[in-house]
PDB file of N, CA and C in Angstrom:
ATOM      1  N   MET A   1      -8.749  39.130  20.082  1.00  0.00           N
ATOM      2  CA  MET A   1      -7.635  38.983  20.987  1.00  0.00           C
ATOM      3  C   MET A   1      -7.706  37.655  21.747  1.00  0.00           C
ATOM      4  N   VAL A   2      -8.890  37.312  22.211  1.00  0.00           N
ATOM      5  CA  VAL A   2      -9.066  36.055  22.929  1.00  0.00           C
ATOM      6  C   VAL A   2      -8.714  34.878  22.027  1.00  0.00           C
ATOM      7  N   ARG A   3      -9.089  34.955  20.751  1.00  0.00           N
ATOM      8  CA  ARG A   3      -8.784  33.881  19.804  1.00  0.00           C
ATOM      9  C   ARG A   3      -7.280  33.687  19.669  1.00  0.00           C
ATOM     10  N   ILE A   4      -6.551  34.779  19.618  1.00  0.00           N
ATOM     11  CA  ILE A   4      -5.099  34.700  19.494  1.00  0.00           C
ATOM     12  C   ILE A   4      -4.497  34.054  20.738  1.00  0.00           C
ATOM     13  N   LEU A   5      -5.014  34.374  21.901  1.00  0.00           N
ATOM     14  CA  LEU A   5      -4.506  33.797  23.137  1.00  0.00           C
ATOM     15  C   LEU A   5      -4.835  32.320  23.260  1.00  0.00           C
ATOM     16  N   LEU A   6      -5.940  31.898  22.703  1.00  0.00           N
ATOM     17  CA  LEU A   6      -6.336  30.495  22.785  1.00  0.00           C
ATOM     18  C   LEU A   6      -5.609  29.621  21.771  1.00  0.00           C
ATOM     19  N   LEU A   7      -5.107  30.213  20.705  1.00  0.00           N
ATOM     20  CA  LEU A   7      -4.458  29.448  19.646  1.00  0.00           C
ATOM     21  C   LEU A   7      -3.304  28.577  20.150  1.00  0.00           C
ATOM     22  N   PRO A   8      -2.381  29.086  20.975  1.00  0.00           N
ATOM     23  CA  PRO A   8      -1.300  28.214  21.454  1.00  0.00           C
ATOM     24  C   PRO A   8      -1.809  26.999  22.228  1.00  0.00           C
ATOM     25  N   PHE A   9      -2.853  27.179  23.020  1.00  0.00           N
ATOM     26  CA  PHE A   9      -3.399  26.060  23.786  1.00  0.00           C
ATOM     27  C   PHE A   9      -4.032  25.022  22.866  1.00  0.00           C
ATOM     28  N   LEU A  10      -4.704  25.491  21.834  1.00  0.00           N
ATOM     29  CA  LEU A  10      -5.305  24.590  20.860  1.00  0.00           C
ATOM     30  C   LEU A  10      -4.230  23.800  20.130  1.00  0.00           C
ATOM     31  N   LEU A  11      -3.176  24.469  19.715  1.00  0.00           N
ATOM     32  CA  LEU A  11      -2.095  23.795  18.998  1.00  0.00           C
ATOM     33  C   LEU A  11      -1.403  22.759  19.870  1.00  0.00           C
ATOM     34  N   VAL A  12      -1.141  23.093  21.118  1.00  0.00           N
ATOM     35  CA  VAL A  12      -0.521  22.139  22.035  1.00  0.00           C
ATOM     36  C   VAL A  12      -1.422  20.927  22.210  1.00  0.00           C
ATOM     37  N   GLY A  13      -2.707  21.138  22.342  1.00  0.00           N
ATOM     38  CA  GLY A  13      -3.647  20.026  22.482  1.00  0.00           C
ATOM     39  C   GLY A  13      -3.659  19.136  21.263  1.00  0.00           C
ATOM     40  N   LEU A  14      -3.639  19.725  20.091  1.00  0.00           N
ATOM     41  CA  LEU A  14      -3.640  18.932  18.863  1.00  0.00           C
ATOM     42  C   LEU A  14      -2.337  18.180  18.683  1.00  0.00           C
ATOM     43  N   LEU A  15      -1.221  18.805  19.014  1.00  0.00           N
ATOM     44  CA  LEU A  15       0.062  18.123  18.902  1.00  0.00           C
ATOM     45  C   LEU A  15       0.138  16.942  19.858  1.00  0.00           C
ATOM     46  N   GLY A  16      -0.493  17.049  20.999  1.00  0.00           N
ATOM     47  CA  GLY A  16      -0.507  15.949  21.948  1.00  0.00           C
ATOM     48  C   GLY A  16      -1.212  14.724  21.418  1.00  0.00           C
ATOM     49  N   LEU A  17      -2.112  14.920  20.465  1.00  0.00           N
ATOM     50  CA  LEU A  17      -2.810  13.779  19.887  1.00  0.00           C
ATOM     51  C   LEU A  17      -1.877  12.879  19.111  1.00  0.00           C
ATOM     52  N   GLY A  18      -0.734  13.382  18.695  1.00  0.00           N
ATOM     53  CA  GLY A  18       0.223  12.581  17.943  1.00  0.00           C
ATOM     54  C   GLY A  18       0.725  11.383  18.714  1.00  0.00           C
ATOM     55  N   ALA A  19       0.697  11.439  20.033  1.00  0.00           N
ATOM     56  CA  ALA A  19       1.165  10.322  20.838  1.00  0.00           C
ATOM     57  C   ALA A  19       0.149   9.193  20.889  1.00  0.00           C
ATOM     58  N   CYS A  20      -1.057   9.440  20.431  1.00  0.00           N
ATOM     59  CA  CYS A  20      -2.090   8.418  20.442  1.00  0.00           C
ATOM     60  C   CYS A  20      -1.843   7.414  19.327  1.00  0.00           C
ATOM     61  N   ALA A  21      -2.092   6.189  19.611  1.00  0.00           N
ATOM     62  CA  ALA A  21      -1.937   5.152  18.598  1.00  0.00           C
ATOM     63  C   ALA A  21      -3.080   5.213  17.601  1.00  0.00           C
ATOM     64  N   GLU A  22      -2.818   4.664  16.451  1.00  0.00           N
ATOM     65  CA  GLU A  22      -3.859   4.528  15.442  1.00  0.00           C
ATOM     66  C   GLU A  22      -4.898   3.527  15.953  1.00  0.00           C
ATOM     67  N   ASP A  23      -5.998   3.408  15.258  1.00  0.00           N
ATOM     68  CA  ASP A  23      -7.038   2.443  15.580  1.00  0.00           C
ATOM     69  C   ASP A  23      -6.437   1.039  15.595  1.00  0.00           C
ATOM     70  N   THR A  24      -6.731   0.267  16.633  1.00  0.00           N
ATOM     71  CA  THR A  24      -6.116  -1.054  16.770  1.00  0.00           C
ATOM     72  C   THR A  24      -6.456  -1.990  15.625  1.00  0.00           C
ATOM     73  N   SER A  25      -7.654  -1.894  15.081  1.00  0.00           N
ATOM     74  CA  SER A  25      -7.995  -2.768  13.955  1.00  0.00           C
ATOM     75  C   SER A  25      -7.152  -2.411  12.733  1.00  0.00           C
ATOM     76  N   GLU A  26      -6.841  -1.125  12.572  1.00  0.00           N
ATOM     77  CA  GLU A  26      -5.975  -0.687  11.475  1.00  0.00           C
ATOM     78  C   GLU A  26      -4.556  -1.213  11.674  1.00  0.00           C
ATOM     79  N   ILE A  27      -4.066  -1.178  12.898  1.00  0.00           N
ATOM     80  CA  ILE A  27      -2.730  -1.698  13.204  1.00  0.00           C
ATOM     81  C   ILE A  27      -2.664  -3.181  12.861  1.00  0.00           C
ATOM     82  N   GLU A  28      -3.643  -3.938  13.319  1.00  0.00           N
ATOM     83  CA  GLU A  28      -3.671  -5.378  13.026  1.00  0.00           C
ATOM     84  C   GLU A  28      -3.713  -5.630  11.527  1.00  0.00           C
ATOM     85  N   ARG A  29      -4.522  -4.872  10.813  1.00  0.00           N
ATOM     86  CA  ARG A  29      -4.651  -5.043   9.364  1.00  0.00           C
ATOM     87  C   ARG A  29      -3.321  -4.770   8.668  1.00  0.00           C
ATOM     88  N   LEU A  30      -2.651  -3.690   9.047  1.00  0.00           N
ATOM     89  CA  LEU A  30      -1.369  -3.356   8.434  1.00  0.00           C
ATOM     90  C   LEU A  30      -0.324  -4.437   8.692  1.00  0.00           C
ATOM     91  N   ILE A  31      -0.271  -4.935   9.918  1.00  0.00           N
ATOM     92  CA  ILE A  31       0.697  -5.982  10.245  1.00  0.00           C
ATOM     93  C   ILE A  31       0.364  -7.261   9.487  1.00  0.00           C
ATOM     94  N   ASP A  32      -0.916  -7.614   9.422  1.00  0.00           N
ATOM     95  CA  ASP A  32      -1.329  -8.801   8.670  1.00  0.00           C
ATOM     96  C   ASP A  32      -0.963  -8.698   7.197  1.00  0.00           C
ATOM     97  N   ARG A  33      -0.955  -7.479   6.676  1.00  0.00           N
ATOM     98  CA  ARG A  33      -0.629  -7.265   5.256  1.00  0.00           C
ATOM     99  C   ARG A  33       0.865  -7.071   5.016  1.00  0.00           C
ATOM    100  N   GLY A  34       1.672  -7.260   6.050  1.00  0.00           N
ATOM    101  CA  GLY A  34       3.115  -7.239   5.855  1.00  0.00           C
ATOM    102  C   GLY A  34       3.831  -5.949   6.180  1.00  0.00           C
ATOM    103  N   ALA A  35       3.198  -5.052   6.924  1.00  0.00           N
ATOM    104  CA  ALA A  35       3.889  -3.824   7.319  1.00  0.00           C
ATOM    105  C   ALA A  35       5.124  -4.178   8.142  1.00  0.00           C
ATOM    106  N   THR A  36       6.155  -3.397   7.998  1.00  0.00           N
ATOM    107  CA  THR A  36       7.358  -3.561   8.803  1.00  0.00           C
ATOM    108  C   THR A  36       7.095  -2.957  10.176  1.00  0.00           C
ATOM    109  N   VAL A  37       7.390  -3.724  11.214  1.00  0.00           N
ATOM    110  CA  VAL A  37       7.154  -3.271  12.584  1.00  0.00           C
ATOM    111  C   VAL A  37       8.485  -2.819  13.180  1.00  0.00           C
ATOM    112  N   LEU A  38       8.509  -1.585  13.672  1.00  0.00           N
ATOM    113  CA  LEU A  38       9.711  -1.020  14.283  1.00  0.00           C
ATOM    114  C   LEU A  38       9.476  -0.763  15.763  1.00  0.00           C
ATOM    115  N   ASP A  39      10.355  -1.299  16.590  1.00  0.00           N
ATOM    116  CA  ASP A  39      10.338  -1.084  18.033  1.00  0.00           C
ATOM    117  C   ASP A  39      11.424  -0.058  18.328  1.00  0.00           C
ATOM    118  N   VAL A  40      11.043   1.118  18.799  1.00  0.00           N
ATOM    119  CA  VAL A  40      12.021   2.186  19.014  1.00  0.00           C
ATOM    120  C   VAL A  40      12.428   2.319  20.485  1.00  0.00           C
ATOM    121  N   ARG A  41      12.202   1.262  21.260  1.00  0.00           N
ATOM    122  CA  ARG A  41      12.631   1.244  22.659  1.00  0.00           C
ATOM    123  C   ARG A  41      14.123   0.906  22.733  1.00  0.00           C
ATOM    124  N   THR A  42      14.657   0.916  23.929  1.00  0.00           N
ATOM    125  CA  THR A  42      16.067   0.573  24.128  1.00  0.00           C
ATOM    126  C   THR A  42      16.277  -0.916  23.858  1.00  0.00           C
ATOM    127  N   PRO A  43      17.520  -1.324  23.576  1.00  0.00           N
ATOM    128  CA  PRO A  43      17.789  -2.753  23.386  1.00  0.00           C
ATOM    129  C   PRO A  43      17.396  -3.593  24.601  1.00  0.00           C
ATOM    130  N   GLU A  44      17.533  -3.029  25.798  1.00  0.00           N
ATOM    131  CA  GLU A  44      17.154  -3.757  27.012  1.00  0.00           C
ATOM    132  C   GLU A  44      15.642  -3.986  27.066  1.00  0.00           C
ATOM    133  N   GLU A  45      14.877  -2.960  26.727  1.00  0.00           N
ATOM    134  CA  GLU A  45      13.418  -3.103  26.694  1.00  0.00           C
ATOM    135  C   GLU A  45      13.017  -4.123  25.631  1.00  0.00           C
ATOM    136  N   TYR A  46      13.651  -4.039  24.481  1.00  0.00           N
ATOM    137  CA  TYR A  46      13.373  -4.961  23.377  1.00  0.00           C
ATOM    138  C   TYR A  46      13.656  -6.401  23.807  1.00  0.00           C
ATOM    139  N   ALA A  47      14.797  -6.618  24.472  1.00  0.00           N
ATOM    140  CA  ALA A  47      15.179  -7.962  24.912  1.00  0.00           C
ATOM    141  C   ALA A  47      14.198  -8.524  25.936  1.00  0.00           C
ATOM    142  N   ALA A  48      13.566  -7.657  26.714  1.00  0.00           N
ATOM    143  CA  ALA A  48      12.610  -8.105  27.730  1.00  0.00           C
ATOM    144  C   ALA A  48      11.298  -8.581  27.117  1.00  0.00           C
ATOM    145  N   GLY A  49      11.044  -8.223  25.870  1.00  0.00           N
ATOM    146  CA  GLY A  49       9.833  -8.648  25.172  1.00  0.00           C
ATOM    147  C   GLY A  49       9.529  -7.710  24.032  1.00  0.00           C
ATOM    148  N   HIS A  50       9.185  -8.287  22.882  1.00  0.00           N
ATOM    149  CA  HIS A  50       8.862  -7.474  21.710  1.00  0.00           C
ATOM    150  C   HIS A  50       7.900  -8.220  20.798  1.00  0.00           C
ATOM    151  N   ILE A  51       7.296  -7.494  19.879  1.00  0.00           N
ATOM    152  CA  ILE A  51       6.407  -8.096  18.895  1.00  0.00           C
ATOM    153  C   ILE A  51       7.258  -8.927  17.946  1.00  0.00           C
ATOM    154  N   ASP A  52       6.830 -10.163  17.681  1.00  0.00           N
ATOM    155  CA  ASP A  52       7.583 -11.037  16.774  1.00  0.00           C
ATOM    156  C   ASP A  52       7.849 -10.333  15.454  1.00  0.00           C
ATOM    157  N   GLY A  53       9.088 -10.411  15.011  1.00  0.00           N
ATOM    158  CA  GLY A  53       9.460  -9.840  13.727  1.00  0.00           C
ATOM    159  C   GLY A  53       9.781  -8.360  13.754  1.00  0.00           C
ATOM    160  N   ALA A  54       9.602  -7.719  14.908  1.00  0.00           N
ATOM    161  CA  ALA A  54       9.887  -6.282  14.999  1.00  0.00           C
ATOM    162  C   ALA A  54      11.388  -6.039  14.962  1.00  0.00           C
ATOM    163  N   ALA A  55      11.787  -5.022  14.231  1.00  0.00           N
ATOM    164  CA  ALA A  55      13.180  -4.589  14.217  1.00  0.00           C
ATOM    165  C   ALA A  55      13.368  -3.554  15.314  1.00  0.00           C
ATOM    166  N   ASN A  56      14.495  -3.637  16.020  1.00  0.00           N
ATOM    167  CA  ASN A  56      14.771  -2.689  17.098  1.00  0.00           C
ATOM    168  C   ASN A  56      15.670  -1.568  16.594  1.00  0.00           C
ATOM    169  N   LEU A  57      15.128  -0.364  16.573  1.00  0.00           N
ATOM    170  CA  LEU A  57      15.885   0.842  16.234  1.00  0.00           C
ATOM    171  C   LEU A  57      15.711   1.812  17.393  1.00  0.00           C
ATOM    172  N   ASP A  58      16.648   1.813  18.306  1.00  0.00           N
ATOM    173  CA  ASP A  58      16.571   2.619  19.526  1.00  0.00           C
ATOM    174  C   ASP A  58      16.538   4.108  19.193  1.00  0.00           C
ATOM    175  N   LEU A  59      15.429   4.756  19.523  1.00  0.00           N
ATOM    176  CA  LEU A  59      15.278   6.184  19.260  1.00  0.00           C
ATOM    177  C   LEU A  59      16.380   6.996  19.926  1.00  0.00           C
ATOM    178  N   GLY A  60      16.882   6.543  21.056  1.00  0.00           N
ATOM    179  CA  GLY A  60      17.911   7.278  21.785  1.00  0.00           C
ATOM    180  C   GLY A  60      19.325   7.065  21.277  1.00  0.00           C
ATOM    181  N   ALA A  61      19.503   6.171  20.318  1.00  0.00           N
ATOM    182  CA  ALA A  61      20.841   5.901  19.788  1.00  0.00           C
ATOM    183  C   ALA A  61      21.321   7.057  18.916  1.00  0.00           C
ATOM    184  N   GLU A  62      22.627   7.321  18.973  1.00  0.00           N
ATOM    185  CA  GLU A  62      23.199   8.410  18.175  1.00  0.00           C
ATOM    186  C   GLU A  62      22.973   8.220  16.683  1.00  0.00           C
ATOM    187  N   ASP A  63      22.947   6.967  16.240  1.00  0.00           N
ATOM    188  CA  ASP A  63      22.818   6.696  14.802  1.00  0.00           C
ATOM    189  C   ASP A  63      21.380   6.414  14.372  1.00  0.00           C
ATOM    190  N   PHE A  64      20.398   6.748  15.222  1.00  0.00           N
ATOM    191  CA  PHE A  64      19.000   6.444  14.890  1.00  0.00           C
ATOM    192  C   PHE A  64      18.606   7.011  13.533  1.00  0.00           C
ATOM    193  N   ARG A  65      18.864   8.275  13.324  1.00  0.00           N
ATOM    194  CA  ARG A  65      18.473   8.927  12.072  1.00  0.00           C
ATOM    195  C   ARG A  65      19.153   8.261  10.871  1.00  0.00           C
ATOM    196  N   ASP A  66      20.432   7.943  11.001  1.00  0.00           N
ATOM    197  CA  ASP A  66      21.157   7.289   9.906  1.00  0.00           C
ATOM    198  C   ASP A  66      20.586   5.906   9.608  1.00  0.00           C
ATOM    199  N   ARG A  67      20.264   5.154  10.658  1.00  0.00           N
ATOM    200  CA  ARG A  67      19.707   3.809  10.454  1.00  0.00           C
ATOM    201  C   ARG A  67      18.333   3.873   9.796  1.00  0.00           C
ATOM    202  N   VAL A  68      17.523   4.831  10.216  1.00  0.00           N
ATOM    203  CA  VAL A  68      16.202   4.998   9.607  1.00  0.00           C
ATOM    204  C   VAL A  68      16.348   5.394   8.144  1.00  0.00           C
ATOM    205  N   ASP A  69      17.301   6.254   7.860  1.00  0.00           N
ATOM    206  CA  ASP A  69      17.505   6.741   6.494  1.00  0.00           C
ATOM    207  C   ASP A  69      17.853   5.607   5.526  1.00  0.00           C
ATOM    208  N   GLU A  70      18.364   4.488   6.051  1.00  0.00           N
ATOM    209  CA  GLU A  70      18.708   3.329   5.220  1.00  0.00           C
ATOM    210  C   GLU A  70      17.496   2.458   4.881  1.00  0.00           C
ATOM    211  N   LEU A  71      16.379   2.664   5.562  1.00  0.00           N
ATOM    212  CA  LEU A  71      15.186   1.843   5.338  1.00  0.00           C
ATOM    213  C   LEU A  71      14.514   2.212   4.015  1.00  0.00           C
ATOM    214  N   PRO A  72      13.876   1.222   3.372  1.00  0.00           N
ATOM    215  CA  PRO A  72      13.136   1.535   2.139  1.00  0.00           C
ATOM    216  C   PRO A  72      11.925   2.418   2.438  1.00  0.00           C
ATOM    217  N   ARG A  73      11.646   3.325   1.550  1.00  0.00           N
ATOM    218  CA  ARG A  73      10.540   4.252   1.748  1.00  0.00           C
ATOM    219  C   ARG A  73       9.247   3.783   1.093  1.00  0.00           C
ATOM    220  N   ASP A  74       9.291   2.667   0.413  1.00  0.00           N
ATOM    221  CA  ASP A  74       8.113   2.186  -0.319  1.00  0.00           C
ATOM    222  C   ASP A  74       7.366   1.089   0.433  1.00  0.00           C
ATOM    223  N   THR A  75       7.438   1.103   1.741  1.00  0.00           N
ATOM    224  CA  THR A  75       6.734   0.114   2.551  1.00  0.00           C
ATOM    225  C   THR A  75       5.982   0.821   3.673  1.00  0.00           C
ATOM    226  N   TYR A  76       5.039   0.113   4.273  1.00  0.00           N
ATOM    227  CA  TYR A  76       4.310   0.636   5.430  1.00  0.00           C
ATOM    228  C   TYR A  76       5.074   0.273   6.696  1.00  0.00           C
ATOM    229  N   TYR A  77       5.045   1.180   7.665  1.00  0.00           N
ATOM    230  CA  TYR A  77       5.708   0.957   8.942  1.00  0.00           C
ATOM    231  C   TYR A  77       4.727   1.179  10.081  1.00  0.00           C
ATOM    232  N   VAL A  78       4.779   0.267  11.052  1.00  0.00           N
ATOM    233  CA  VAL A  78       4.072   0.427  12.320  1.00  0.00           C
ATOM    234  C   VAL A  78       5.166   0.609  13.365  1.00  0.00           C
ATOM    235  N   VAL A  79       5.169   1.746  14.031  1.00  0.00           N
ATOM    236  CA  VAL A  79       6.212   2.089  14.992  1.00  0.00           C
ATOM    237  C   VAL A  79       5.611   2.058  16.396  1.00  0.00           C
ATOM    238  N   TYR A  80       6.295   1.380  17.319  1.00  0.00           N
ATOM    239  CA  TYR A  80       5.803   1.346  18.695  1.00  0.00           C
ATOM    240  C   TYR A  80       6.956   1.510  19.677  1.00  0.00           C
ATOM    241  N   CYS A  81       6.595   1.793  20.918  1.00  0.00           N
ATOM    242  CA  CYS A  81       7.563   1.913  22.009  1.00  0.00           C
ATOM    243  C   CYS A  81       6.892   1.353  23.265  1.00  0.00           C
ATOM    244  N   ALA A  82       7.055   2.007  24.394  1.00  0.00           N
ATOM    245  CA  ALA A  82       6.392   1.550  25.614  1.00  0.00           C
ATOM    246  C   ALA A  82       5.004   2.160  25.755  1.00  0.00           C
ATOM    247  N   SER A  83       4.869   3.425  25.353  1.00  0.00           N
ATOM    248  CA  SER A  83       3.583   4.109  25.534  1.00  0.00           C
ATOM    249  C   SER A  83       3.048   4.789  24.282  1.00  0.00           C
ATOM    250  N   GLY A  84       3.893   4.993  23.301  1.00  0.00           N
ATOM    251  CA  GLY A  84       3.511   5.702  22.084  1.00  0.00           C
ATOM    252  C   GLY A  84       4.206   7.035  21.923  1.00  0.00           C
ATOM    253  N   ALA A  85       4.799   7.560  23.010  1.00  0.00           N
ATOM    254  CA  ALA A  85       5.446   8.876  22.952  1.00  0.00           C
ATOM    255  C   ALA A  85       6.726   8.842  22.118  1.00  0.00           C
ATOM    256  N   ARG A  86       7.595   7.853  22.368  1.00  0.00           N
ATOM    257  CA  ARG A  86       8.822   7.755  21.564  1.00  0.00           C
ATOM    258  C   ARG A  86       8.493   7.408  20.125  1.00  0.00           C
ATOM    259  N   ALA A  87       7.445   6.613  19.930  1.00  0.00           N
ATOM    260  CA  ALA A  87       7.018   6.288  18.563  1.00  0.00           C
ATOM    261  C   ALA A  87       6.623   7.559  17.822  1.00  0.00           C
ATOM    262  N   THR A  88       5.964   8.471  18.509  1.00  0.00           N
ATOM    263  CA  THR A  88       5.585   9.744  17.891  1.00  0.00           C
ATOM    264  C   THR A  88       6.819  10.513  17.446  1.00  0.00           C
ATOM    265  N   ARG A  89       7.835  10.575  18.309  1.00  0.00           N
ATOM    266  CA  ARG A  89       9.063  11.291  17.944  1.00  0.00           C
ATOM    267  C   ARG A  89       9.773  10.590  16.790  1.00  0.00           C
ATOM    268  N   ALA A  90       9.792   9.259  16.802  1.00  0.00           N
ATOM    269  CA  ALA A  90      10.423   8.511  15.708  1.00  0.00           C
ATOM    270  C   ALA A  90       9.702   8.767  14.389  1.00  0.00           C
ATOM    271  N   ILE A  91       8.387   8.811  14.435  1.00  0.00           N
ATOM    272  CA  ILE A  91       7.596   9.067  13.227  1.00  0.00           C
ATOM    273  C   ILE A  91       7.887  10.461  12.689  1.00  0.00           C
ATOM    274  N   GLU A  92       8.075  11.427  13.568  1.00  0.00           N
ATOM    275  CA  GLU A  92       8.432  12.780  13.118  1.00  0.00           C
ATOM    276  C   GLU A  92       9.745  12.759  12.347  1.00  0.00           C
ATOM    277  N   VAL A  93      10.730  12.010  12.853  1.00  0.00           N
ATOM    278  CA  VAL A  93      12.016  11.876  12.158  1.00  0.00           C
ATOM    279  C   VAL A  93      11.802  11.204  10.811  1.00  0.00           C
ATOM    280  N   MET A  94      11.034  10.119  10.804  1.00  0.00           N
ATOM    281  CA  MET A  94      10.800   9.376   9.564  1.00  0.00           C
ATOM    282  C   MET A  94      10.106  10.244   8.520  1.00  0.00           C
ATOM    283  N   ARG A  95       9.103  10.964   8.925  1.00  0.00           N
ATOM    284  CA  ARG A  95       8.396  11.831   7.971  1.00  0.00           C
ATOM    285  C   ARG A  95       9.317  12.934   7.455  1.00  0.00           C
ATOM    286  N   GLY A  96      10.184  13.429   8.313  1.00  0.00           N
ATOM    287  CA  GLY A  96      11.163  14.427   7.895  1.00  0.00           C
ATOM    288  C   GLY A  96      12.140  13.888   6.865  1.00  0.00           C
ATOM    289  N   LEU A  97      12.343  12.570   6.876  1.00  0.00           N
ATOM    290  CA  LEU A  97      13.235  11.918   5.913  1.00  0.00           C
ATOM    291  C   LEU A  97      12.492  11.439   4.671  1.00  0.00           C
ATOM    292  N   GLY A  98      11.202  11.716   4.597  1.00  0.00           N
ATOM    293  CA  GLY A  98      10.450  11.371   3.393  1.00  0.00           C
ATOM    294  C   GLY A  98       9.619  10.106   3.463  1.00  0.00           C
ATOM    295  N   PHE A  99       9.466   9.526   4.651  1.00  0.00           N
ATOM    296  CA  PHE A  99       8.611   8.349   4.799  1.00  0.00           C
ATOM    297  C   PHE A  99       7.166   8.817   4.902  1.00  0.00           C
ATOM    298  N   GLY A 100       6.302   8.254   4.075  1.00  0.00           N
ATOM    299  CA  GLY A 100       4.912   8.680   4.081  1.00  0.00           C
ATOM    300  C   GLY A 100       3.967   7.713   4.759  1.00  0.00           C
ATOM    301  N   SER A 101       4.281   6.439   4.732  1.00  0.00           N
ATOM    302  CA  SER A 101       3.361   5.415   5.234  1.00  0.00           C
ATOM    303  C   SER A 101       3.845   4.899   6.579  1.00  0.00           C
ATOM    304  N   VAL A 102       3.653   5.718   7.609  1.00  0.00           N
ATOM    305  CA  VAL A 102       4.124   5.397   8.951  1.00  0.00           C
ATOM    306  C   VAL A 102       2.985   5.650   9.928  1.00  0.00           C
ATOM    307  N   VAL A 103       2.684   4.669  10.775  1.00  0.00           N
ATOM    308  CA  VAL A 103       1.631   4.843  11.777  1.00  0.00           C
ATOM    309  C   VAL A 103       2.170   4.518  13.164  1.00  0.00           C
ATOM    310  N   ASN A 104       1.553   5.110  14.157  1.00  0.00           N
ATOM    311  CA  ASN A 104       1.927   4.912  15.547  1.00  0.00           C
ATOM    312  C   ASN A 104       1.176   3.705  16.096  1.00  0.00           C
ATOM    313  N   GLY A 105       1.922   2.666  16.436  1.00  0.00           N
ATOM    314  CA  GLY A 105       1.327   1.468  17.007  1.00  0.00           C
ATOM    315  C   GLY A 105       1.058   1.581  18.490  1.00  0.00           C
ATOM    316  N   GLY A 106       1.531   2.660  19.107  1.00  0.00           N
ATOM    317  CA  GLY A 106       1.304   2.847  20.534  1.00  0.00           C
ATOM    318  C   GLY A 106       2.335   2.119  21.365  1.00  0.00           C
ATOM    319  N   GLY A 107       1.871   1.498  22.440  1.00  0.00           N
ATOM    320  CA  GLY A 107       2.762   0.835  23.378  1.00  0.00           C
ATOM    321  C   GLY A 107       2.810  -0.670  23.195  1.00  0.00           C
ATOM    322  N   TYR A 108       3.913  -1.248  23.620  1.00  0.00           N
ATOM    323  CA  TYR A 108       4.120  -2.698  23.505  1.00  0.00           C
ATOM    324  C   TYR A 108       3.005  -3.488  24.186  1.00  0.00           C
ATOM    325  N   ASP A 109       2.669  -3.138  25.415  1.00  0.00           N
ATOM    326  CA  ASP A 109       1.648  -3.901  26.145  1.00  0.00           C
ATOM    327  C   ASP A 109       0.306  -3.888  25.421  1.00  0.00           C
ATOM    328  N   ALA A 110      -0.061  -2.737  24.868  1.00  0.00           N
ATOM    329  CA  ALA A 110      -1.334  -2.641  24.148  1.00  0.00           C
ATOM    330  C   ALA A 110      -1.322  -3.522  22.907  1.00  0.00           C
ATOM    331  N   LEU A 111      -0.198  -3.559  22.202  1.00  0.00           N
ATOM    332  CA  LEU A 111      -0.100  -4.419  21.017  1.00  0.00           C
ATOM    333  C   LEU A 111      -0.136  -5.891  21.414  1.00  0.00           C
ATOM    334  N   ALA A 112       0.555  -6.231  22.493  1.00  0.00           N
ATOM    335  CA  ALA A 112       0.540  -7.614  22.969  1.00  0.00           C
ATOM    336  C   ALA A 112      -0.872  -8.016  23.394  1.00  0.00           C
ATOM    337  N   ASP A 113      -1.610  -7.081  23.986  1.00  0.00           N
ATOM    338  CA  ASP A 113      -2.985  -7.355  24.407  1.00  0.00           C
ATOM    339  C   ASP A 113      -3.915  -7.610  23.223  1.00  0.00           C
ATOM    340  N   LEU A 114      -3.524  -7.135  22.032  1.00  0.00           N
ATOM    341  CA  LEU A 114      -4.317  -7.414  20.828  1.00  0.00           C
ATOM    342  C   LEU A 114      -4.194  -8.872  20.407  1.00  0.00           C
ATOM    343  N   GLY A 115      -3.227  -9.555  21.003  1.00  0.00           N
ATOM    344  CA  GLY A 115      -3.000 -10.943  20.635  1.00  0.00           C
ATOM    345  C   GLY A 115      -1.896 -11.115  19.611  1.00  0.00           C
ATOM    346  N   LEU A 116      -1.174 -10.031  19.319  1.00  0.00           N
ATOM    347  CA  LEU A 116      -0.051 -10.164  18.395  1.00  0.00           C
ATOM    348  C   LEU A 116       1.010 -11.049  19.040  1.00  0.00           C
ATOM    349  N   PRO A 117       1.640 -11.919  18.262  1.00  0.00           N
ATOM    350  CA  PRO A 117       2.661 -12.799  18.835  1.00  0.00           C
ATOM    351  C   PRO A 117       3.850 -11.995  19.363  1.00  0.00           C
ATOM    352  N   THR A 118       4.359 -12.415  20.501  1.00  0.00           N
ATOM    353  CA  THR A 118       5.487 -11.727  21.121  1.00  0.00           C
ATOM    354  C   THR A 118       6.622 -12.697  21.413  1.00  0.00           C
ATOM    355  N   THR A 119       7.793 -12.139  21.590  1.00  0.00           N
ATOM    356  CA  THR A 119       8.970 -12.894  21.997  1.00  0.00           C
ATOM    357  C   THR A 119       9.446 -12.300  23.306  1.00  0.00           C
ATOM    358  N   GLU A 120       9.681 -13.162  24.285  1.00  0.00           N
ATOM    359  CA  GLU A 120      10.166 -12.665  25.584  1.00  0.00           C
ATOM    360  C   GLU A 120      11.396 -13.414  25.987  1.00  0.00           C
TER     361      GLU A 120
END
């Protein structure tokens, strides 16, 4: 009985790990090898500063799912936002649409701190 009661707490804890970014060295390696970088923040956040070459697909936009569905599925994607939470939700949508090679880049500031080139 105790095991059954603990199961929901365990599942919630594990699901929360999805908001964590992948290993930073892995993120850098994927970007260096040509992964497509997606910024899922608002256009205003994107305009204030973004990773060079990142495409802006606002997770909150009504057409987000349709725009993602137009992307090629045979490439690697690094998805980021401000903290990693919206990136997690975007990745869930992408995986639901059949994208297999998608990783959470975490937050913009953390990626910029890695020394990735940015545009402001």
